[in-house]
Amino acid sequence: MREHLSEEELTVFDILTRPGPSLAPSEQEVVKKVTKELLAKLKSILVLDWRNKVQARARIHSAIKDTLDNGLPSPYTPEIYNKKVKAVFEHIYESYRGEGSSVFTAHPF
């Protein structure tokens, strides 16, 4: 697969890198690592009907913010960071139903 990522990982990687910021190859590797860490973290906290529960949505949003804040390289300005957090949350909201069910899997994680 492109970038040595699964389809699921590649989708999040693309959200984080397109459009911009411009990244050096070493920074792209950092973003790949952050992508994998983020998906692992989210899969561990997604629960059934998480989209219908305020606390569950807040927990997912917080996990995205924390993971990206702690891991993304310096080309991610506060403005870009905020846009990426929003875009990743929207993607997760649309693609993951919880408890292992997503558009990427026909079965649980």
Foldseek 3Di string as FASTA:
>chain_A
DPPPDDPQLVVLLCLLPPPDDDDDPVLSVLSSVLSVVLVVVLQVLFAAQLVVDPVSLVVNLVSLLVSCVVGHDDVCDPVNSVSSSVVVSVCCSQFPRGQQDGPVDPDRD
